[in-house]
Amino acid sequence: MRPYDSAHVDPMPTIENIEPAAGQTVRFVSDLHYGHERCEAPAPAELAERLLQGIDILVLVGDTAETRECAWQSKGKALRDELRGICRERGVQLVEIAGNHDPDVEPLLVRFWGGKVVAMHGHALYKEVAPWSWEYLNNKQKCRQLIDSYADADSNLESRLELSRSMCRLVPPMLRKDGIRNRYLRGLLHCFWPPQRPLNIIRCWLTCGRRADRFAEHYFPEAQIIILGHFHRSGNWKFPKRHIYNTGAWFRHAEPYKVDMRDGQVLSYEKINIK
């Protein structure tokens, strides 16, 4: 038994393998953040009109809804359930991947087409999950204890993924509106306090593509395409052995993108107009 065992969650499936049928179109998006006050994703019925046309499989690459214990949990879960129902009605296979805001989803990483394509939310790239977050910055000692308890996370992919789920459940979400009525002051503090926060955000934005490539080379070097969310900034990076895509976010001051694939090949990487 690992030390600090009380912080560990019950084992859940971490990795799933999916082999789409020949000719099926698979669409990847992420970070809907249903329930969150800054979510800009349309209601599930309208979202379905934009996302489900002409595809066979929809992959939600984490943070679909706010499902941790917080003020937005009930709304987030209800909207997620509505979207699930619409996908069933329309015959679109829905694949959900856990993010740091919805750790109740089972798989944290999904391999497609024999592992050629890997989709993961991206929070496992950092043992801290989100080094810029208030949850981490205000609970560093507790987080470091948990990280240290996963001694095999550097060598074992499942352990690294389990760590990311445990980190998400270690401390409750910190709502930026707590105790501050003025929305402009809330926004200012959200972005710039504590001082490490904006610096960590910028560093992670600038290095996420390279970090994802190194992560893949270490844990699943056979992958040629990696699809991520988490960082709320879209982008695609071409490295010698693989292509990294980030699908952005349906969030204020961010933009959502979609990756469409068929038979293991990228058909398009495009911005989604949410206005």
Protein backbone atom coordinates (compact mmCIF):
# COMPACT_ATOMS: atom_id res chain seq x y z
CA MET A 1 0.00 0.00 0.00
CA ARG A 2 1.29 3.44 -0.91
CA PRO A 3 1.80 6.06 1.80
CA TYR A 4 -0.84 8.77 2.03
CA ASP A 5 -3.33 6.15 0.92
CA SER A 6 -6.36 8.05 2.17
CA ALA A 7 -6.00 10.48 -0.72
CA HIS A 8 -6.06 7.74 -3.34
CA VAL A 9 -9.27 7.03 -5.17
CA ASP A 10 -10.82 3.66 -5.85
CA PRO A 11 -9.31 2.15 -8.99
CA MET A 12 -11.15 3.06 -12.18
CA PRO A 13 -10.31 2.16 -15.77
CA THR A 14 -7.65 4.54 -17.04
CA ILE A 15 -6.97 3.40 -20.63
CA GLU A 16 -9.37 2.37 -23.37
CA ASN A 17 -8.74 1.10 -26.91
CA ILE A 18 -11.18 1.93 -29.70
CA GLU A 19 -10.96 0.74 -33.29
CA PRO A 20 -13.33 2.80 -35.47
CA ALA A 21 -14.79 0.92 -38.42
CA ALA A 22 -13.40 1.66 -41.86
CA GLY A 23 -14.81 4.88 -43.25
CA GLN A 24 -16.18 6.17 -39.95
CA THR A 25 -15.66 9.85 -39.23
CA VAL A 26 -14.42 10.66 -35.75
CA ARG A 27 -14.58 14.19 -34.34
CA PHE A 28 -12.53 15.35 -31.35
CA VAL A 29 -13.39 18.40 -29.21
CA SER A 30 -12.67 19.29 -25.59
CA ASP A 31 -13.31 21.63 -22.68
CA LEU A 32 -17.03 22.35 -22.96
CA HIS A 33 -17.05 23.07 -19.20
CA TYR A 34 -20.82 22.74 -18.94
CA GLY A 35 -22.08 24.34 -15.73
CA HIS A 36 -19.16 26.73 -15.28
CA GLU A 37 -20.02 30.44 -15.10
CA ARG A 38 -17.53 31.16 -17.91
CA CYS A 39 -18.74 28.39 -20.22
CA GLU A 40 -19.64 29.62 -23.72
CA ALA A 41 -20.76 26.31 -25.15
CA PRO A 42 -24.35 26.36 -26.45
CA ALA A 43 -27.03 24.19 -24.90
CA PRO A 44 -26.77 20.48 -25.84
CA ALA A 45 -29.52 20.62 -28.49
CA GLU A 46 -27.82 23.49 -30.32
CA LEU A 47 -24.39 21.97 -29.79
CA ALA A 48 -25.61 18.76 -31.39
CA GLU A 49 -26.68 20.66 -34.51
CA ARG A 50 -23.15 22.01 -34.83
CA LEU A 51 -21.16 18.93 -33.90
CA LEU A 52 -23.05 15.77 -34.80
CA GLN A 53 -23.78 16.31 -38.46
CA GLY A 54 -21.94 13.88 -40.72
CA ILE A 55 -19.95 12.07 -38.03
CA ASP A 56 -20.09 8.61 -36.51
CA ILE A 57 -18.11 9.09 -33.30
CA LEU A 58 -17.81 12.18 -31.08
CA VAL A 59 -14.86 12.21 -28.70
CA LEU A 60 -15.02 14.65 -25.78
CA VAL A 61 -11.42 15.06 -24.67
CA GLY A 62 -12.03 16.00 -21.06
CA ASP A 63 -13.64 18.78 -19.00
CA THR A 64 -17.01 18.23 -20.61
CA ALA A 65 -18.76 19.39 -17.42
CA GLU A 66 -18.09 20.58 -13.90
CA THR A 67 -18.68 17.38 -11.93
CA ARG A 68 -16.50 17.84 -8.84
CA GLU A 69 -18.26 19.03 -5.69
CA CYS A 70 -18.87 22.72 -6.34
CA ALA A 71 -21.67 25.20 -6.96
CA TRP A 72 -21.81 24.21 -10.63
CA GLN A 73 -21.92 20.45 -10.19
CA SER A 74 -25.67 19.83 -10.56
CA LYS A 75 -26.00 22.02 -13.63
CA GLY A 76 -22.90 20.52 -15.23
CA LYS A 77 -24.06 16.94 -14.73
CA ALA A 78 -27.55 17.71 -16.02
CA LEU A 79 -26.23 19.28 -19.23
CA ARG A 80 -23.81 16.40 -19.74
CA ASP A 81 -26.64 13.89 -19.33
CA GLU A 82 -28.70 15.81 -21.88
CA LEU A 83 -25.88 15.69 -24.39
CA ARG A 84 -25.42 11.97 -23.81
CA GLY A 85 -29.11 11.40 -24.52
CA ILE A 86 -29.01 13.38 -27.77
CA CYS A 87 -26.02 11.38 -29.01
CA ARG A 88 -27.87 8.13 -28.30
CA GLU A 89 -30.97 9.37 -30.13
CA ARG A 90 -28.95 10.34 -33.18
CA GLY A 91 -26.92 7.16 -33.29
CA VAL A 92 -23.58 8.91 -32.72
CA GLN A 93 -21.17 6.95 -30.55
CA LEU A 94 -20.03 9.17 -27.69
CA VAL A 95 -16.56 8.65 -26.24
CA GLU A 96 -15.83 10.58 -23.06
CA ILE A 97 -12.37 11.10 -21.60
CA ALA A 98 -11.80 12.35 -18.06
CA GLY A 99 -10.37 15.80 -17.47
CA ASN A 100 -9.41 17.55 -14.26
CA HIS A 101 -12.92 19.01 -13.93
CA ASP A 102 -14.75 15.71 -14.55
CA PRO A 103 -12.68 12.97 -12.89
CA ASP A 104 -15.81 10.81 -12.56
CA VAL A 105 -15.45 9.77 -16.23
CA GLU A 106 -13.66 6.43 -16.50
CA PRO A 107 -10.93 6.50 -19.18
CA LEU A 108 -8.20 9.10 -18.88
CA LEU A 109 -6.60 8.12 -22.17
CA VAL A 110 -8.01 6.47 -25.29
CA ARG A 111 -6.03 4.84 -28.07
CA PHE A 112 -7.51 4.80 -31.57
CA TRP A 113 -6.51 2.85 -34.65
CA GLY A 114 -4.19 0.50 -32.81
CA GLY A 115 -2.50 3.27 -30.85
CA LYS A 116 -1.58 5.41 -33.84
CA VAL A 117 -3.79 8.16 -32.38
CA VAL A 118 -3.97 8.92 -28.66
CA ALA A 119 -6.47 11.30 -27.07
CA MET A 120 -6.04 12.52 -23.50
CA HIS A 121 -7.15 15.67 -21.75
CA GLY A 122 -3.61 16.78 -21.00
CA HIS A 123 -3.63 17.31 -17.24
CA ALA A 124 -1.50 14.19 -16.75
CA LEU A 125 1.35 15.98 -18.56
CA TYR A 126 2.00 17.67 -15.22
CA LYS A 127 2.09 15.78 -11.95
CA GLU A 128 0.62 18.94 -10.44
CA VAL A 129 -2.24 18.70 -13.00
CA ALA A 130 -2.50 22.48 -13.35
CA PRO A 131 0.60 24.22 -11.90
CA TRP A 132 -1.11 27.59 -12.42
CA SER A 133 -4.29 26.75 -10.50
CA TRP A 134 -5.34 28.19 -7.18
CA GLU A 135 -6.02 24.64 -5.98
CA TYR A 136 -2.36 23.74 -6.44
CA LEU A 137 -0.78 27.05 -5.44
CA ASN A 138 -2.75 27.18 -2.18
CA ASN A 139 -2.25 23.50 -1.31
CA LYS A 140 1.31 22.78 -2.40
CA GLN A 141 2.32 20.69 0.60
CA LYS A 142 -0.71 18.42 0.39
CA CYS A 143 -0.25 18.06 -3.38
CA ARG A 144 3.45 17.26 -3.06
CA GLN A 145 2.68 14.55 -0.51
CA LEU A 146 0.28 12.92 -2.92
CA ILE A 147 2.70 13.18 -5.83
CA ASP A 148 5.48 11.62 -3.78
CA SER A 149 3.21 8.71 -2.88
CA TYR A 150 3.04 7.69 -6.55
CA ALA A 151 6.66 6.56 -6.76
CA ASP A 152 6.10 4.59 -9.97
CA ALA A 153 4.39 7.40 -11.90
CA ASP A 154 7.55 8.13 -13.89
CA SER A 155 7.75 4.60 -15.25
CA ASN A 156 4.15 3.40 -15.38
CA LEU A 157 1.52 5.11 -17.53
CA GLU A 158 -1.47 3.82 -15.57
CA SER A 159 0.07 5.08 -12.33
CA ARG A 160 0.69 8.49 -13.88
CA LEU A 161 -2.92 8.64 -15.02
CA GLU A 162 -4.21 7.49 -11.62
CA LEU A 163 -2.15 10.25 -10.02
CA SER A 164 -3.85 12.84 -12.21
CA ARG A 165 -7.28 11.63 -11.09
CA SER A 166 -6.26 11.59 -7.43
CA MET A 167 -4.90 15.12 -7.69
CA CYS A 168 -8.24 16.33 -9.05
CA ARG A 169 -10.04 14.94 -6.02
CA LEU A 170 -7.50 15.95 -3.39
CA VAL A 171 -8.67 19.53 -2.87
CA PRO A 172 -12.08 21.06 -3.68
CA PRO A 173 -12.39 23.52 -6.56
CA MET A 174 -11.77 27.11 -5.59
CA LEU A 175 -14.37 29.42 -7.08
CA ARG A 176 -12.99 32.75 -8.15
CA LYS A 177 -16.14 34.56 -7.00
CA ASP A 178 -15.86 33.43 -3.38
CA GLY A 179 -16.01 36.46 -1.10
CA ILE A 180 -15.55 39.06 -3.87
CA ARG A 181 -18.62 40.85 -5.21
CA ASN A 182 -17.01 43.18 -7.73
CA ARG A 183 -16.72 41.20 -10.97
CA TYR A 184 -13.84 43.32 -12.32
CA LEU A 185 -11.80 42.74 -9.18
CA ARG A 186 -12.68 39.04 -9.32
CA GLY A 187 -11.44 38.88 -12.89
CA LEU A 188 -8.23 40.72 -12.04
CA LEU A 189 -7.45 38.43 -9.12
CA HIS A 190 -8.39 35.37 -11.13
CA CYS A 191 -5.77 36.21 -13.75
CA PHE A 192 -2.95 37.79 -11.78
CA TRP A 193 -3.02 36.52 -8.20
CA PRO A 194 -0.88 35.01 -6.83
CA PRO A 195 1.99 36.32 -8.99
CA GLN A 196 3.16 32.79 -9.86
CA ARG A 197 -0.16 32.15 -11.57
CA PRO A 198 0.24 34.25 -14.77
CA LEU A 199 3.87 33.18 -15.08
CA ASN A 200 2.93 29.51 -14.84
CA ILE A 201 0.10 29.96 -17.34
CA ILE A 202 2.37 31.53 -19.93
CA ARG A 203 5.10 28.93 -19.38
CA CYS A 204 2.63 26.08 -19.81
CA TRP A 205 1.08 27.62 -22.93
CA LEU A 206 4.48 28.02 -24.55
CA THR A 207 5.69 24.51 -23.75
CA CYS A 208 2.58 22.29 -23.90
CA GLY A 209 3.27 20.98 -27.41
CA ARG A 210 6.85 20.01 -26.64
CA ARG A 211 5.85 18.53 -23.29
CA ALA A 212 3.13 16.42 -24.94
CA ASP A 213 5.63 15.11 -27.49
CA ARG A 214 8.10 14.14 -24.75
CA PHE A 215 5.32 12.56 -22.69
CA ALA A 216 4.27 10.44 -25.67
CA GLU A 217 7.84 9.43 -26.43
CA HIS A 218 8.23 8.25 -22.86
CA TYR A 219 4.92 6.42 -22.33
CA PHE A 220 3.57 5.48 -25.79
CA PRO A 221 6.24 6.12 -28.45
CA GLU A 222 4.23 4.34 -31.15
CA ALA A 223 1.67 7.18 -31.25
CA GLN A 224 1.85 9.44 -34.29
CA ILE A 225 -0.97 11.85 -33.41
CA ILE A 226 -1.82 13.21 -29.96
CA ILE A 227 -5.03 15.16 -29.32
CA LEU A 228 -5.29 17.29 -26.16
CA GLY A 229 -7.35 19.94 -24.44
CA HIS A 230 -6.74 21.33 -20.93
CA PHE A 231 -4.69 24.41 -21.80
CA HIS A 232 -7.58 26.42 -23.30
CA ARG A 233 -5.33 27.54 -26.13
CA SER A 234 -5.64 25.83 -29.47
CA GLY A 235 -2.59 24.90 -31.47
CA ASN A 236 -0.88 22.21 -33.49
CA TRP A 237 2.76 21.30 -33.43
CA LYS A 238 4.66 19.08 -35.83
CA PHE A 239 7.58 17.13 -34.38
CA PRO A 240 9.83 14.58 -36.13
CA LYS A 241 7.80 11.57 -34.98
CA ARG A 242 4.33 12.92 -34.26
CA HIS A 243 1.77 15.69 -34.63
CA ILE A 244 0.20 17.30 -31.54
CA TYR A 245 -3.22 19.00 -31.68
CA ASN A 246 -4.87 21.07 -28.97
CA THR A 247 -8.59 21.73 -29.40
CA GLY A 248 -8.84 24.85 -27.25
CA ALA A 249 -11.95 25.47 -25.13
CA TRP A 250 -15.58 26.63 -25.21
CA PHE A 251 -14.68 29.21 -22.61
CA ARG A 252 -14.54 32.97 -22.26
CA HIS A 253 -11.35 34.35 -23.83
CA ALA A 254 -10.66 31.01 -25.54
CA GLU A 255 -11.67 29.40 -28.84
CA PRO A 256 -12.81 25.83 -29.57
CA TYR A 257 -11.36 23.78 -32.41
CA LYS A 258 -12.24 20.36 -33.79
CA VAL A 259 -10.12 17.60 -35.23
CA ASP A 260 -11.88 15.34 -37.74
CA MET A 261 -10.33 11.99 -38.63
CA ARG A 262 -11.10 8.97 -40.76
CA ASP A 263 -9.15 5.71 -41.06
CA GLY A 264 -6.40 7.13 -38.88
CA GLN A 265 -5.88 10.21 -41.05
CA VAL A 266 -6.61 13.83 -40.15
CA LEU A 267 -9.29 15.30 -42.41
CA SER A 268 -9.32 18.76 -40.86
CA TYR A 269 -8.33 20.88 -37.89
CA GLU A 270 -10.69 23.83 -37.76
CA LYS A 271 -11.98 26.57 -35.50
CA ILE A 272 -15.63 26.24 -34.41
CA ASN A 273 -17.68 29.42 -34.56
CA ILE A 274 -19.61 29.66 -31.28
CA LYS A 275 -21.31 33.02 -31.92
